[in-house]
Amino acid sequence: MLLVNEFSQALQSLDRLEAEKILMGSRDDCTPLQCVESLVIPALLHIGYGWEKGDVSLAQVYMSGRICEELVDKILPLPTQLANRNPRWQSPCWMTIICLVSALFTLYCALVVLIY
């Protein structure tokens, strides 16, 4: 939980470098997807709750989401990288599915910030 608080604080301070340092440091203990689930999403929820209480500005919520979007793009493999690892995924159908899942995840992160 301490790491989530530190990450959340870095996001609220718009300290992109510190947020990246925290996220990249957490990758030693988990997979990239687990890092997103255990660090990024809880931090965004924390920021969303702060906005609900009036402790966090809408600009901080928005910029935190943008920073997280950039960081998640750095740690999760791109659809093209997945396709290069497995030729079966190079089919148009798989590429479409992978791109759709990626877009839905980005939308999910944005909704989490807005709803909570």
Protein backbone atom coordinates (compact mmCIF):
# COMPACT_ATOMS: atom_id res chain seq x y z
CA MET A 1 0.00 0.00 0.00
CA LEU A 2 2.93 2.30 0.68
CA LEU A 3 4.06 2.01 -2.92
CA VAL A 4 0.56 2.90 -4.14
CA ASN A 5 0.59 6.02 -1.95
CA GLU A 6 4.02 7.05 -3.25
CA PHE A 7 2.95 6.47 -6.85
CA SER A 8 -0.30 8.37 -6.29
CA GLN A 9 1.59 11.28 -4.73
CA ALA A 10 4.01 11.41 -7.66
CA LEU A 11 1.07 11.47 -10.07
CA GLN A 12 -0.73 14.21 -8.15
CA SER A 13 2.47 16.25 -8.12
CA LEU A 14 2.70 15.67 -11.88
CA ASP A 15 6.18 14.23 -11.30
CA ARG A 16 6.35 11.98 -14.34
CA LEU A 17 9.95 10.92 -13.67
CA GLU A 18 9.27 9.86 -10.08
CA ALA A 19 6.11 8.00 -11.13
CA GLU A 20 8.09 6.18 -13.81
CA LYS A 21 10.85 5.34 -11.33
CA ILE A 22 8.33 3.87 -8.88
CA LEU A 23 6.52 1.87 -11.56
CA MET A 24 9.71 0.55 -13.14
CA GLY A 25 11.04 -0.37 -9.70
CA SER A 26 7.91 -2.38 -8.96
CA ARG A 27 8.47 -4.48 -12.09
CA ASP A 28 11.11 -6.49 -10.22
CA ASP A 29 8.39 -8.07 -8.08
CA CYS A 30 5.67 -8.70 -10.66
CA THR A 31 4.74 -8.95 -14.32
CA PRO A 32 3.87 -5.76 -16.20
CA LEU A 33 0.16 -6.58 -16.08
CA GLN A 34 0.33 -7.30 -12.35
CA CYS A 35 2.07 -3.95 -11.85
CA VAL A 36 -0.78 -2.20 -13.61
CA GLU A 37 -3.36 -4.08 -11.55
CA SER A 38 -1.62 -3.65 -8.20
CA LEU A 39 -0.13 -0.16 -8.58
CA VAL A 40 -1.58 1.92 -11.41
CA ILE A 41 -5.27 1.11 -10.95
CA PRO A 42 -5.27 1.52 -7.13
CA ALA A 43 -3.39 4.82 -7.47
CA LEU A 44 -5.90 6.11 -10.01
CA LEU A 45 -8.75 5.00 -7.74
CA HIS A 46 -7.11 6.84 -4.83
CA ILE A 47 -6.85 9.98 -6.94
CA GLY A 48 -10.47 9.60 -8.03
CA TYR A 49 -11.60 9.34 -4.41
CA GLY A 50 -9.55 12.45 -3.65
CA TRP A 51 -11.40 14.29 -6.41
CA GLU A 52 -14.74 13.14 -4.98
CA LYS A 53 -13.78 14.57 -1.59
CA GLY A 54 -12.53 17.80 -3.15
CA ASP A 55 -8.87 17.21 -2.25
CA VAL A 56 -7.68 16.68 -5.84
CA SER A 57 -8.35 18.98 -8.79
CA LEU A 58 -9.82 17.79 -12.06
CA ALA A 59 -6.58 18.82 -13.77
CA GLN A 60 -4.63 16.49 -11.48
CA VAL A 61 -7.05 13.66 -12.25
CA TYR A 62 -6.68 14.24 -15.98
CA MET A 63 -2.90 14.56 -15.96
CA SER A 64 -2.52 11.53 -13.68
CA GLY A 65 -4.49 9.51 -16.20
CA ARG A 66 -2.34 10.78 -19.06
CA ILE A 67 0.89 9.99 -17.22
CA CYS A 68 -0.37 6.50 -16.40
CA GLU A 69 -1.39 5.96 -20.01
CA GLU A 70 2.15 6.78 -21.16
CA LEU A 71 3.74 4.60 -18.48
CA VAL A 72 1.48 1.65 -19.18
CA ASP A 73 2.32 1.94 -22.87
CA LYS A 74 6.00 1.65 -21.90
CA ILE A 75 5.68 -1.51 -19.81
CA LEU A 76 3.00 -3.51 -21.63
CA PRO A 77 4.02 -5.08 -24.93
CA LEU A 78 2.61 -3.48 -28.04
CA PRO A 79 0.44 -5.61 -30.32
CA THR A 80 3.20 -5.58 -32.95
CA GLN A 81 5.71 -6.91 -30.42
CA LEU A 82 3.35 -9.74 -29.52
CA ALA A 83 2.86 -10.55 -33.19
CA ASN A 84 6.61 -10.73 -33.78
CA ARG A 85 6.95 -13.28 -30.97
CA ASN A 86 4.18 -15.53 -32.25
CA PRO A 87 3.50 -15.74 -36.01
CA ARG A 88 -0.03 -16.99 -35.36
CA TRP A 89 -0.83 -13.54 -33.96
CA GLN A 90 0.13 -11.86 -37.22
CA SER A 91 -3.23 -12.68 -38.74
CA PRO A 92 -5.53 -9.66 -39.24
CA CYS A 93 -8.09 -11.19 -36.88
CA TRP A 94 -5.64 -11.47 -33.97
CA MET A 95 -4.18 -8.03 -34.60
CA THR A 96 -7.69 -6.55 -34.53
CA ILE A 97 -8.46 -8.31 -31.25
CA ILE A 98 -5.18 -7.19 -29.68
CA CYS A 99 -5.73 -3.57 -30.75
CA LEU A 100 -9.31 -3.66 -29.45
CA VAL A 101 -8.20 -5.01 -26.07
CA SER A 102 -5.53 -2.32 -25.86
CA ALA A 103 -8.07 0.40 -26.65
CA LEU A 104 -10.55 -1.01 -24.14
CA PHE A 105 -7.89 -1.03 -21.43
CA THR A 106 -7.11 2.64 -22.09
CA LEU A 107 -10.83 3.43 -21.92
CA TYR A 108 -11.14 1.42 -18.71
CA CYS A 109 -8.34 3.43 -17.06
CA ALA A 110 -10.02 6.68 -18.07
CA LEU A 111 -13.39 5.51 -16.73
CA VAL A 112 -11.89 4.36 -13.45
CA VAL A 113 -10.54 7.85 -12.89
CA LEU A 114 -13.83 9.52 -13.81
CA ILE A 115 -16.16 7.17 -11.95
CA TYR A 116 -14.22 6.86 -8.73
